[in-house]
C-alpha atoms as a PDB file:
ATOM      1  CA  UNK A   1     124.185 -58.113 -84.164  1.00  0.00           C
ATOM      2  CA  UNK A   2     122.828 -60.414 -86.942  1.00  0.00           C
ATOM      3  CA  UNK A   3     118.863 -60.612 -87.566  1.00  0.00           C
ATOM      4  CA  UNK A   4     117.522 -63.687 -88.692  1.00  0.00           C
ATOM      5  CA  UNK A   5     114.421 -63.734 -90.685  1.00  0.00           C
ATOM      6  CA  UNK A   6     111.892 -66.317 -91.762  1.00  0.00           C
ATOM      7  CA  UNK A   7     110.622 -66.101 -95.208  1.00  0.00           C
ATOM      8  CA  UNK A   8     106.660 -66.200 -95.697  1.00  0.00           C
ATOM      9  CA  UNK A   9     106.386 -69.397 -97.946  1.00  0.00           C
ATOM     10  CA  UNK A  10     102.678 -69.081 -98.362  1.00  0.00           C
ATOM     11  CA  UNK A  11      99.203 -67.400 -98.317  1.00  0.00           C
ATOM     12  CA  UNK A  12      97.752 -67.558 -94.182  1.00  0.00           C
ATOM     13  CA  UNK A  13      94.026 -69.007 -94.358  1.00  0.00           C
ATOM     14  CA  UNK A  14      91.256 -66.678 -93.426  1.00  0.00           C
ATOM     15  CA  UNK A  15      89.884 -66.355 -90.006  1.00  0.00           C
ATOM     16  CA  UNK A  16      86.561 -66.409 -89.306  1.00  0.00           C
ATOM     17  CA  UNK A  17      85.507 -63.976 -86.516  1.00  0.00           C
ATOM     18  CA  UNK A  18      83.719 -66.406 -84.376  1.00  0.00           C
ATOM     19  CA  UNK A  19      83.458 -65.258 -80.627  1.00  0.00           C
ATOM     20  CA  UNK A  20      84.518 -67.506 -78.289  1.00  0.00           C
ATOM     21  CA  UNK A  21      81.111 -66.699 -76.160  1.00  0.00           C
ATOM     22  CA  UNK A  22      77.913 -66.236 -77.070  1.00  0.00           C
ATOM     23  CA  UNK A  23      76.735 -62.678 -76.903  1.00  0.00           C
ATOM     24  CA  UNK A  24      73.893 -63.113 -73.830  1.00  0.00           C
ATOM     25  CA  UNK A  25      70.864 -61.105 -74.776  1.00  0.00           C
ATOM     26  CA  UNK A  26      70.469 -58.007 -72.612  1.00  0.00           C
ATOM     27  CA  UNK A  27      67.317 -57.770 -70.788  1.00  0.00           C
ATOM     28  CA  UNK A  28      66.087 -53.805 -70.438  1.00  0.00           C
ATOM     29  CA  UNK A  29      65.411 -53.481 -66.878  1.00  0.00           C
ATOM     30  CA  UNK A  30      63.577 -50.932 -65.478  1.00  0.00           C
ATOM     31  CA  UNK A  31      65.531 -48.164 -64.272  1.00  0.00           C
ATOM     32  CA  UNK A  32      67.097 -48.048 -60.840  1.00  0.00           C
ATOM     33  CA  UNK A  33      64.834 -46.073 -58.101  1.00  0.00           C
ATOM     34  CA  UNK A  34      66.521 -43.963 -56.088  1.00  0.00           C
ATOM     35  CA  UNK A  35      64.761 -44.413 -52.371  1.00  0.00           C
ATOM     36  CA  UNK A  36      66.660 -41.973 -50.542  1.00  0.00           C
ATOM     37  CA  UNK A  37      65.634 -39.298 -53.359  1.00  0.00           C
ATOM     38  CA  UNK A  38      61.507 -40.569 -53.700  1.00  0.00           C
ATOM     39  CA  UNK A  39      61.260 -40.708 -49.905  1.00  0.00           C
ATOM     40  CA  UNK A  40      59.292 -37.901 -48.166  1.00  0.00           C
ATOM     41  CA  UNK A  41      60.895 -35.472 -46.435  1.00  0.00           C
ATOM     42  CA  UNK A  42      59.992 -35.706 -42.573  1.00  0.00           C
ATOM     43  CA  UNK A  43      58.573 -32.420 -41.060  1.00  0.00           C
ATOM     44  CA  UNK A  44      61.219 -31.288 -38.832  1.00  0.00           C
ATOM     45  CA  UNK A  45      60.842 -31.582 -35.282  1.00  0.00           C
ATOM     46  CA  UNK A  46      61.577 -28.922 -32.902  1.00  0.00           C
ATOM     47  CA  UNK A  47      62.915 -30.253 -29.529  1.00  0.00           C
ATOM     48  CA  UNK A  48      62.681 -27.951 -26.487  1.00  0.00           C
ATOM     49  CA  UNK A  49      64.554 -29.256 -23.379  1.00  0.00           C
ATOM     50  CA  UNK A  50      63.262 -28.149 -20.066  1.00  0.00           C
ATOM     51  CA  UNK A  51      63.371 -28.890 -16.243  1.00  0.00           C
ATOM     52  CA  UNK A  52      60.602 -30.448 -14.645  1.00  0.00           C
ATOM     53  CA  UNK A  53      59.041 -27.945 -12.271  1.00  0.00           C
ATOM     54  CA  UNK A  54      58.024 -28.792  -8.909  1.00  0.00           C
ATOM     55  CA  UNK A  55      54.879 -27.737  -7.436  1.00  0.00           C
ATOM     56  CA  UNK A  56      55.648 -25.080  -5.173  1.00  0.00           C
ATOM     57  CA  UNK A  57      54.119 -24.950  -1.373  1.00  0.00           C
ATOM     58  CA  UNK A  58      52.075 -21.772  -2.190  1.00  0.00           C
ATOM     59  CA  UNK A  59      50.490 -23.295  -5.091  1.00  0.00           C
ATOM     60  CA  UNK A  60      49.593 -26.597  -2.559  1.00  0.00           C
ATOM     61  CA  UNK A  61      48.486 -23.994  -0.399  1.00  0.00           C
ATOM     62  CA  UNK A  62      46.135 -22.504  -2.707  1.00  0.00           C
ATOM     63  CA  UNK A  63      44.260 -26.007  -4.015  1.00  0.00           C
ATOM     64  CA  UNK A  64      44.019 -26.852  -0.423  1.00  0.00           C
ATOM     65  CA  UNK A  65      42.247 -23.210   0.383  1.00  0.00           C
ATOM     66  CA  UNK A  66      39.836 -23.347  -2.975  1.00  0.00           C
ATOM     67  CA  UNK A  67      38.990 -27.180  -2.106  1.00  0.00           C
ATOM     68  CA  UNK A  68      38.023 -25.595   1.741  1.00  0.00           C
ATOM     69  CA  UNK A  69      36.334 -23.448   0.332  1.00  0.00           C
ATOM     70  CA  UNK A  70      34.035 -25.095  -2.118  1.00  0.00           C
ATOM     71  CA  UNK A  71      33.527 -27.497   0.684  1.00  0.00           C
ATOM     72  CA  UNK A  72      32.319 -24.947   3.346  1.00  0.00           C
ATOM     73  CA  UNK A  73      30.454 -23.005   0.648  1.00  0.00           C
ATOM     74  CA  UNK A  74      28.461 -26.908   0.497  1.00  0.00           C
ATOM     75  CA  UNK A  75      28.049 -27.137   4.163  1.00  0.00           C
ATOM     76  CA  UNK A  76      26.429 -23.614   4.426  1.00  0.00           C
ATOM     77  CA  UNK A  77      24.138 -23.941   1.723  1.00  0.00           C
ATOM     78  CA  UNK A  78      23.056 -27.199   3.028  1.00  0.00           C
ATOM     79  CA  UNK A  79      22.035 -26.082   6.805  1.00  0.00           C
ATOM     80  CA  UNK A  80      20.646 -23.047   5.030  1.00  0.00           C
ATOM     81  CA  UNK A  81      18.182 -24.832   3.251  1.00  0.00           C
ATOM     82  CA  UNK A  82      17.551 -27.317   5.817  1.00  0.00           C
ATOM     83  CA  UNK A  83      16.554 -24.185   8.107  1.00  0.00           C
ATOM     84  CA  UNK A  84      14.250 -22.660   5.486  1.00  0.00           C
ATOM     85  CA  UNK A  85      12.619 -26.117   5.399  1.00  0.00           C
ATOM     86  CA  UNK A  86      12.617 -26.712   9.115  1.00  0.00           C
ATOM     87  CA  UNK A  87      11.012 -23.100   9.742  1.00  0.00           C
ATOM     88  CA  UNK A  88       8.427 -23.733   6.862  1.00  0.00           C
ATOM     89  CA  UNK A  89       7.640 -27.298   8.985  1.00  0.00           C
ATOM     90  CA  UNK A  90       7.855 -25.433  12.347  1.00  0.00           C
ATOM     91  CA  UNK A  91       5.355 -22.855  11.823  1.00  0.00           C
ATOM     92  CA  UNK A  92       2.979 -25.451  10.235  1.00  0.00           C
ATOM     93  CA  UNK A  93       0.679 -26.677  12.991  1.00  0.00           C
ATOM     94  CA  UNK A  94      -1.414 -30.183  13.218  1.00  0.00           C
ATOM     95  CA  UNK A  95      -2.772 -32.415  15.771  1.00  0.00           C
ATOM     96  CA  UNK A  96      -6.569 -33.962  16.416  1.00  0.00           C
ATOM     97  CA  UNK A  97      -9.217 -33.156  18.643  1.00  0.00           C
ATOM     98  CA  UNK A  98     -11.984 -34.398  19.606  1.00  0.00           C
ATOM     99  CA  UNK A  99     -15.377 -32.155  19.366  1.00  0.00           C
ATOM    100  CA  UNK A 100     -18.425 -32.727  21.778  1.00  0.00           C
ATOM    101  CA  UNK A 101     -21.807 -33.205  19.795  1.00  0.00           C
ATOM    102  CA  UNK A 102     -24.605 -30.382  20.746  1.00  0.00           C
ATOM    103  CA  UNK A 103     -26.427 -32.511  23.273  1.00  0.00           C
ATOM    104  CA  UNK A 104     -23.991 -33.145  25.158  1.00  0.00           C
ATOM    105  CA  UNK A 105     -22.317 -31.036  28.299  1.00  0.00           C
ATOM    106  CA  UNK A 106     -19.244 -32.245  27.912  1.00  0.00           C
ATOM    107  CA  UNK A 107     -16.016 -30.342  26.860  1.00  0.00           C
ATOM    108  CA  UNK A 108     -13.519 -30.592  24.082  1.00  0.00           C
ATOM    109  CA  UNK A 109     -10.193 -31.903  24.708  1.00  0.00           C
ATOM    110  CA  UNK A 110      -6.500 -32.663  22.708  1.00  0.00           C
ATOM    111  CA  UNK A 111      -6.186 -36.308  22.212  1.00  0.00           C
ATOM    112  CA  UNK A 112      -2.516 -37.397  22.820  1.00  0.00           C
ATOM    113  CA  UNK A 113      -2.639 -39.923  25.014  1.00  0.00           C
ATOM    114  CA  UNK A 114       0.707 -41.122  24.738  1.00  0.00           C
ATOM    115  CA  UNK A 115       1.961 -37.669  26.413  1.00  0.00           C
ATOM    116  CA  UNK A 116      -0.783 -37.344  29.322  1.00  0.00           C
ATOM    117  CA  UNK A 117       2.096 -35.833  31.514  1.00  0.00           C
ATOM    118  CA  UNK A 118       2.432 -32.605  29.232  1.00  0.00           C
ATOM    119  CA  UNK A 119      -0.501 -31.173  29.760  1.00  0.00           C
ATOM    120  CA  UNK A 120       0.847 -28.934  32.742  1.00  0.00           C
ATOM    121  CA  UNK A 121       4.398 -28.631  31.095  1.00  0.00           C
ATOM    122  CA  UNK A 122       2.858 -27.030  27.553  1.00  0.00           C
ATOM    123  CA  UNK A 123       5.137 -28.602  24.807  1.00  0.00           C
ATOM    124  CA  UNK A 124       4.860 -25.157  23.021  1.00  0.00           C
ATOM    125  CA  UNK A 125       6.803 -23.308  25.146  1.00  0.00           C
ATOM    126  CA  UNK A 126       9.887 -23.798  22.863  1.00  0.00           C
ATOM    127  CA  UNK A 127       7.589 -23.167  19.894  1.00  0.00           C
ATOM    128  CA  UNK A 128       7.316 -26.822  18.981  1.00  0.00           C
ATOM    129  CA  UNK A 129       4.356 -25.743  16.501  1.00  0.00           C
ATOM    130  CA  UNK A 130       4.978 -28.906  14.393  1.00  0.00           C
ATOM    131  CA  UNK A 131       3.725 -31.671  17.381  1.00  0.00           C
ATOM    132  CA  UNK A 132       2.057 -34.479  15.908  1.00  0.00           C
ATOM    133  CA  UNK A 133      -0.383 -35.527  17.577  1.00  0.00           C
ATOM    134  CA  UNK A 134      -1.949 -39.214  18.117  1.00  0.00           C
ATOM    135  CA  UNK A 135      -5.402 -40.249  17.491  1.00  0.00           C
ATOM    136  CA  UNK A 136      -6.941 -42.001  20.416  1.00  0.00           C
ATOM    137  CA  UNK A 137      -7.365 -45.548  20.688  1.00  0.00           C
ATOM    138  CA  UNK A 138     -10.839 -45.375  22.867  1.00  0.00           C
ATOM    139  CA  UNK A 139     -12.126 -43.217  19.747  1.00  0.00           C
ATOM    140  CA  UNK A 140     -15.054 -41.957  21.496  1.00  0.00           C
ATOM    141  CA  UNK A 141     -16.722 -45.446  22.925  1.00  0.00           C
ATOM    142  CA  UNK A 142     -19.668 -43.313  24.126  1.00  0.00           C
ATOM    143  CA  UNK A 143     -20.807 -41.766  20.960  1.00  0.00           C
ATOM    144  CA  UNK A 144     -20.487 -38.136  22.558  1.00  0.00           C
ATOM    145  CA  UNK A 145     -17.374 -36.672  20.333  1.00  0.00           C
ATOM    146  CA  UNK A 146     -16.781 -36.318  16.562  1.00  0.00           C
ATOM    147  CA  UNK A 147     -12.848 -36.397  15.581  1.00  0.00           C
ATOM    148  CA  UNK A 148     -11.308 -33.374  13.813  1.00  0.00           C
ATOM    149  CA  UNK A 149      -7.870 -33.318  12.128  1.00  0.00           C
ATOM    150  CA  UNK A 150      -6.214 -29.552  11.891  1.00  0.00           C
ATOM    151  CA  UNK A 151      -3.522 -28.107   9.851  1.00  0.00           C
ATOM    152  CA  UNK A 152      -3.211 -24.601  10.829  1.00  0.00           C
ATOM    153  CA  UNK A 153      -0.507 -22.164   8.481  1.00  0.00           C
ATOM    154  CA  UNK A 154       0.680 -19.988  11.560  1.00  0.00           C
ATOM    155  CA  UNK A 155       3.131 -18.178   9.354  1.00  0.00           C
ATOM    156  CA  UNK A 156       1.263 -16.729   7.135  1.00  0.00           C
ATOM    157  CA  UNK A 157      -2.104 -17.270   8.135  1.00  0.00           C
ATOM    158  CA  UNK A 158      -3.496 -18.179   4.982  1.00  0.00           C
ATOM    159  CA  UNK A 159      -5.287 -21.512   5.367  1.00  0.00           C
ATOM    160  CA  UNK A 160      -6.733 -23.658   8.084  1.00  0.00           C
ATOM    161  CA  UNK A 161      -7.074 -27.747   6.753  1.00  0.00           C
ATOM    162  CA  UNK A 162      -9.689 -29.742   8.895  1.00  0.00           C
ATOM    163  CA  UNK A 163     -10.435 -33.248   7.962  1.00  0.00           C
ATOM    164  CA  UNK A 164     -13.730 -34.281   9.733  1.00  0.00           C
ATOM    165  CA  UNK A 165     -13.760 -37.863   9.372  1.00  0.00           C
ATOM    166  CA  UNK A 166     -16.390 -39.631  11.092  1.00  0.00           C
ATOM    167  CA  UNK A 167     -19.286 -36.640  11.786  1.00  0.00           C
ATOM    168  CA  UNK A 168     -22.453 -38.468  12.891  1.00  0.00           C
ATOM    169  CA  UNK A 169     -25.349 -39.213   9.960  1.00  0.00           C
ATOM    170  CA  UNK A 170     -22.534 -36.781   7.803  1.00  0.00           C
ATOM    171  CA  UNK A 171     -20.580 -37.522   5.182  1.00  0.00           C
ATOM    172  CA  UNK A 172     -15.974 -37.817   5.541  1.00  0.00           C
ATOM    173  CA  UNK A 173     -15.135 -34.380   4.356  1.00  0.00           C
ATOM    174  CA  UNK A 174     -12.066 -31.910   4.465  1.00  0.00           C
ATOM    175  CA  UNK A 175     -12.989 -28.360   4.652  1.00  0.00           C
ATOM    176  CA  UNK A 176     -10.454 -25.711   3.428  1.00  0.00           C
ATOM    177  CA  UNK A 177     -10.455 -22.191   4.710  1.00  0.00           C
ATOM    178  CA  UNK A 178      -8.541 -19.827   2.571  1.00  0.00           C
ATOM    179  CA  UNK A 179      -8.063 -16.872   4.352  1.00  0.00           C
ATOM    180  CA  UNK A 180      -6.423 -15.174   1.322  1.00  0.00           C
ATOM    181  CA  UNK A 181      -9.148 -15.733  -1.453  1.00  0.00           C
ATOM    182  CA  UNK A 182     -11.589 -15.435   1.252  1.00  0.00           C
ATOM    183  CA  UNK A 183     -13.042 -18.826   0.208  1.00  0.00           C
ATOM    184  CA  UNK A 184     -14.345 -22.185   1.869  1.00  0.00           C
ATOM    185  CA  UNK A 185     -13.815 -25.419   0.378  1.00  0.00           C
ATOM    186  CA  UNK A 186     -15.223 -28.832   1.099  1.00  0.00           C
ATOM    187  CA  UNK A 187     -13.499 -31.833  -0.467  1.00  0.00           C
ATOM    188  CA  UNK A 188     -16.321 -34.971  -0.451  1.00  0.00           C
ATOM    189  CA  UNK A 189     -14.224 -37.884   0.332  1.00  0.00           C
ATOM    190  CA  UNK A 190     -16.835 -40.392  -0.382  1.00  0.00           C
ATOM    191  CA  UNK A 191     -17.964 -38.726  -3.938  1.00  0.00           C
ATOM    192  CA  UNK A 192     -14.566 -37.509  -5.017  1.00  0.00           C
ATOM    193  CA  UNK A 193     -15.744 -34.270  -5.824  1.00  0.00           C
ATOM    194  CA  UNK A 194     -15.699 -30.367  -4.293  1.00  0.00           C
ATOM    195  CA  UNK A 195     -18.008 -27.622  -3.455  1.00  0.00           C
ATOM    196  CA  UNK A 196     -16.700 -23.932  -2.866  1.00  0.00           C
ATOM    197  CA  UNK A 197     -18.468 -21.076  -1.060  1.00  0.00           C
ATOM    198  CA  UNK A 198     -17.419 -17.837   0.643  1.00  0.00           C
ATOM    199  CA  UNK A 199     -15.928 -17.958   3.930  1.00  0.00           C
ATOM    200  CA  UNK A 200     -18.019 -17.137   6.825  1.00  0.00           C
ATOM    201  CA  UNK A 201     -15.409 -15.133   8.882  1.00  0.00           C
ATOM    202  CA  UNK A 202     -17.880 -14.715  11.881  1.00  0.00           C
ATOM    203  CA  UNK A 203     -18.051 -18.799  12.676  1.00  0.00           C
ATOM    204  CA  UNK A 204     -14.341 -19.565  11.456  1.00  0.00           C
ATOM    205  CA  UNK A 205     -11.863 -18.314  13.553  1.00  0.00           C
ATOM    206  CA  UNK A 206      -8.639 -17.190  11.824  1.00  0.00           C
ATOM    207  CA  UNK A 207      -5.123 -19.704  12.021  1.00  0.00           C
ATOM    208  CA  UNK A 208      -3.595 -17.657  15.373  1.00  0.00           C
ATOM    209  CA  UNK A 209      -7.074 -17.301  16.999  1.00  0.00           C
ATOM    210  CA  UNK A 210      -7.922 -21.352  16.111  1.00  0.00           C
ATOM    211  CA  UNK A 211      -4.030 -22.272  17.649  1.00  0.00           C
ATOM    212  CA  UNK A 212      -4.492 -20.189  20.582  1.00  0.00           C
ATOM    213  CA  UNK A 213      -7.715 -21.878  21.126  1.00  0.00           C
ATOM    214  CA  UNK A 214      -6.170 -25.566  20.818  1.00  0.00           C
ATOM    215  CA  UNK A 215      -3.390 -24.301  23.163  1.00  0.00           C
ATOM    216  CA  UNK A 216      -5.881 -23.824  26.114  1.00  0.00           C
ATOM    217  CA  UNK A 217      -7.355 -27.172  24.776  1.00  0.00           C
ATOM    218  CA  UNK A 218      -3.895 -28.626  25.405  1.00  0.00           C
ATOM    219  CA  UNK A 219      -3.642 -27.136  29.161  1.00  0.00           C
ATOM    220  CA  UNK A 220      -6.573 -28.793  30.271  1.00  0.00           C
ATOM    221  CA  UNK A 221     -10.333 -28.911  29.444  1.00  0.00           C
ATOM    222  CA  UNK A 222     -12.049 -25.808  27.567  1.00  0.00           C
ATOM    223  CA  UNK A 223     -15.286 -24.966  27.747  1.00  0.00           C
ATOM    224  CA  UNK A 224     -16.598 -24.226  24.218  1.00  0.00           C
ATOM    225  CA  UNK A 225     -19.875 -23.348  22.565  1.00  0.00           C
ATOM    226  CA  UNK A 226     -21.049 -26.617  20.412  1.00  0.00           C
ATOM    227  CA  UNK A 227     -24.239 -25.219  19.492  1.00  0.00           C
ATOM    228  CA  UNK A 228     -24.921 -26.357  15.776  1.00  0.00           C
ATOM    229  CA  UNK A 229     -25.539 -23.671  13.081  1.00  0.00           C
ATOM    230  CA  UNK A 230     -27.600 -25.452  10.323  1.00  0.00           C
ATOM    231  CA  UNK A 231     -26.771 -23.823   6.887  1.00  0.00           C
ATOM    232  CA  UNK A 232     -29.318 -25.143   3.793  1.00  0.00           C
ATOM    233  CA  UNK A 233     -26.844 -25.207   0.411  1.00  0.00           C
ATOM    234  CA  UNK A 234     -27.396 -25.314  -2.827  1.00  0.00           C
ATOM    235  CA  UNK A 235     -25.417 -26.757  -5.706  1.00  0.00           C
ATOM    236  CA  UNK A 236     -24.734 -24.584  -8.910  1.00  0.00           C
ATOM    237  CA  UNK A 237     -24.603 -27.055 -12.312  1.00  0.00           C
ATOM    238  CA  UNK A 238     -22.272 -27.051 -14.273  1.00  0.00           C
ATOM    239  CA  UNK A 239     -18.661 -27.422 -12.560  1.00  0.00           C
ATOM    240  CA  UNK A 240     -16.459 -24.822 -12.663  1.00  0.00           C
ATOM    241  CA  UNK A 241     -13.942 -24.739 -15.370  1.00  0.00           C
ATOM    242  CA  UNK A 242     -11.505 -21.979 -13.736  1.00  0.00           C
ATOM    243  CA  UNK A 243      -9.728 -22.178 -11.065  1.00  0.00           C
ATOM    244  CA  UNK A 244      -8.333 -18.931 -10.304  1.00  0.00           C
ATOM    245  CA  UNK A 245     -11.269 -17.390  -8.257  1.00  0.00           C
ATOM    246  CA  UNK A 246     -10.839 -20.215  -5.403  1.00  0.00           C
ATOM    247  CA  UNK A 247      -7.551 -19.610  -4.438  1.00  0.00           C
ATOM    248  CA  UNK A 248      -4.555 -21.994  -4.542  1.00  0.00           C
ATOM    249  CA  UNK A 249      -4.797 -23.725  -1.686  1.00  0.00           C
ATOM    250  CA  UNK A 250      -8.654 -24.926  -3.064  1.00  0.00           C
ATOM    251  CA  UNK A 251      -7.524 -25.502  -6.107  1.00  0.00           C
ATOM    252  CA  UNK A 252      -4.474 -27.894  -5.238  1.00  0.00           C
ATOM    253  CA  UNK A 253      -6.716 -30.006  -3.420  1.00  0.00           C
ATOM    254  CA  UNK A 254     -10.050 -29.951  -6.359  1.00  0.00           C
ATOM    255  CA  UNK A 255      -8.088 -29.715  -9.658  1.00  0.00           C
ATOM    256  CA  UNK A 256      -8.647 -32.811 -11.322  1.00  0.00           C
ATOM    257  CA  UNK A 257     -12.071 -33.391  -9.974  1.00  0.00           C
ATOM    258  CA  UNK A 258     -15.868 -31.952 -10.610  1.00  0.00           C
ATOM    259  CA  UNK A 259     -15.919 -28.364  -8.658  1.00  0.00           C
ATOM    260  CA  UNK A 260     -18.903 -26.783  -7.684  1.00  0.00           C
ATOM    261  CA  UNK A 261     -20.032 -23.548  -6.392  1.00  0.00           C
ATOM    262  CA  UNK A 262     -22.592 -23.723  -3.436  1.00  0.00           C
ATOM    263  CA  UNK A 263     -25.392 -20.826  -3.156  1.00  0.00           C
ATOM    264  CA  UNK A 264     -27.039 -20.500   0.193  1.00  0.00           C
ATOM    265  CA  UNK A 265     -31.128 -20.770  -0.187  1.00  0.00           C
ATOM    266  CA  UNK A 266     -33.638 -20.292   2.485  1.00  0.00           C
ATOM    267  CA  UNK A 267     -35.427 -23.434   3.769  1.00  0.00           C
ATOM    268  CA  UNK A 268     -38.828 -22.624   3.056  1.00  0.00           C
ATOM    269  CA  UNK A 269     -37.709 -23.136  -0.454  1.00  0.00           C
ATOM    270  CA  UNK A 270     -37.858 -26.472  -0.164  1.00  0.00           C
ATOM    271  CA  UNK A 271     -39.955 -29.613   1.040  1.00  0.00           C
ATOM    272  CA  UNK A 272     -39.123 -31.459   4.150  1.00  0.00           C
ATOM    273  CA  UNK A 273     -38.662 -34.238   2.355  1.00  0.00           C
ATOM    274  CA  UNK A 274     -35.824 -32.825   0.351  1.00  0.00           C
ATOM    275  CA  UNK A 275     -33.892 -31.771   3.502  1.00  0.00           C
ATOM    276  CA  UNK A 276     -34.306 -35.088   4.907  1.00  0.00           C
ATOM    277  CA  UNK A 277     -32.356 -36.495   1.642  1.00  0.00           C
ATOM    278  CA  UNK A 278     -30.201 -33.759   1.764  1.00  0.00           C
ATOM    279  CA  UNK A 279     -25.848 -34.343   1.842  1.00  0.00           C
ATOM    280  CA  UNK A 280     -24.765 -33.667   5.156  1.00  0.00           C
ATOM    281  CA  UNK A 281     -20.904 -31.979   6.249  1.00  0.00           C
ATOM    282  CA  UNK A 282     -20.419 -30.606   9.241  1.00  0.00           C
ATOM    283  CA  UNK A 283     -17.204 -28.457  10.761  1.00  0.00           C
ATOM    284  CA  UNK A 284     -15.753 -27.022  14.322  1.00  0.00           C
ATOM    285  CA  UNK A 285     -13.522 -24.465  13.449  1.00  0.00           C
ATOM    286  CA  UNK A 286     -13.887 -22.074  16.497  1.00  0.00           C
ATOM    287  CA  UNK A 287     -17.076 -21.043  16.918  1.00  0.00           C
ATOM    288  CA  UNK A 288     -19.909 -23.464  16.890  1.00  0.00           C
ATOM    289  CA  UNK A 289     -20.341 -26.143  14.733  1.00  0.00           C
ATOM    290  CA  UNK A 290     -21.173 -25.563  11.579  1.00  0.00           C
ATOM    291  CA  UNK A 291     -23.410 -27.828   9.640  1.00  0.00           C
ATOM    292  CA  UNK A 292     -24.318 -27.580   5.973  1.00  0.00           C
ATOM    293  CA  UNK A 293     -27.528 -29.166   4.140  1.00  0.00           C
ATOM    294  CA  UNK A 294     -27.082 -29.568   0.415  1.00  0.00           C
ATOM    295  CA  UNK A 295     -30.564 -30.483  -1.314  1.00  0.00           C
ATOM    296  CA  UNK A 296     -29.663 -30.689  -4.345  1.00  0.00           C
ATOM    297  CA  UNK A 297     -27.370 -33.622  -4.549  1.00  0.00           C
ATOM    298  CA  UNK A 298     -29.417 -36.123  -6.696  1.00  0.00           C
ATOM    299  CA  UNK A 299     -29.501 -33.240  -9.387  1.00  0.00           C
ATOM    300  CA  UNK A 300     -25.336 -33.542  -9.128  1.00  0.00           C
ATOM    301  CA  UNK A 301     -25.432 -37.379  -9.505  1.00  0.00           C
ATOM    302  CA  UNK A 302     -27.812 -37.508 -12.126  1.00  0.00           C
ATOM    303  CA  UNK A 303     -25.236 -34.333 -14.494  1.00  0.00           C
ATOM    304  CA  UNK A 304     -22.177 -36.369 -13.596  1.00  0.00           C
ATOM    305  CA  UNK A 305     -23.975 -39.443 -14.980  1.00  0.00           C
ATOM    306  CA  UNK A 306     -24.880 -37.629 -17.979  1.00  0.00           C
ATOM    307  CA  UNK A 307     -21.551 -36.537 -18.421  1.00  0.00           C
ATOM    308  CA  UNK A 308     -20.000 -39.243 -18.253  1.00  0.00           C
ATOM    309  CA  UNK A 309     -22.337 -41.527 -20.729  1.00  0.00           C
ATOM    310  CA  UNK A 310     -23.514 -38.348 -23.246  1.00  0.00           C
END
């Protein structure tokens, strides 16, 4: 085989190394962040698979019995509290009586004109001791009677409360006979003050005896001794500040108002003019009408005025 070569006739021109494309300036980009690697790993979760349990019949019965027991306890407790309250009220008698004055020959009677047919059928047979008696509508047209309202503690026999709203020539008063502390309190309803003195057990019947007297009055007319026993009393000033010795029932009524002790004095010590200017309170508590004349009421008024305007 024959090879033909071409002879080099001359020097080749120098070639310039010029790039065909201009090199672009490469920008320095931030390094690529691996999001998967930088992501915070989630805490593992424990997934338990359990079957939903159905409430058994025994559980339902237990819940029902528990609710029934709670309801029964509530009902029994309510009935017990109601009976306790009713018992305390049933053993407290309240009623009105008309009391004849000294010079009249009329007898004392119980005022209940709304139930006139019940005088023979005694309402106390069933221990209905909380019988409210209505006030008389005629209200003593002849002036022969004065009225009293009784509240008697029959359960413990500790006290009697007697309101005397219309005694002739006297002031409206409320008498509280405290048999536990052996004291009698007189509440001056017009003057808003109280007076305390020893309880006269010879003239004031105990609660049960006074109630028995009222029962006899309910059954019909009853002859009683309404002669007047007059006692002259003097107020001891200044008013007391310690109510411990006057008893619970009196202190409950008199706390917050001026309360004075009373002492008995001889009538001969005072002039008749002083007695005529005295303040009168009266009450019937089962044995004669007790009339209390307080002779130094002007001294009490002056003392109260001085304390109000020092």
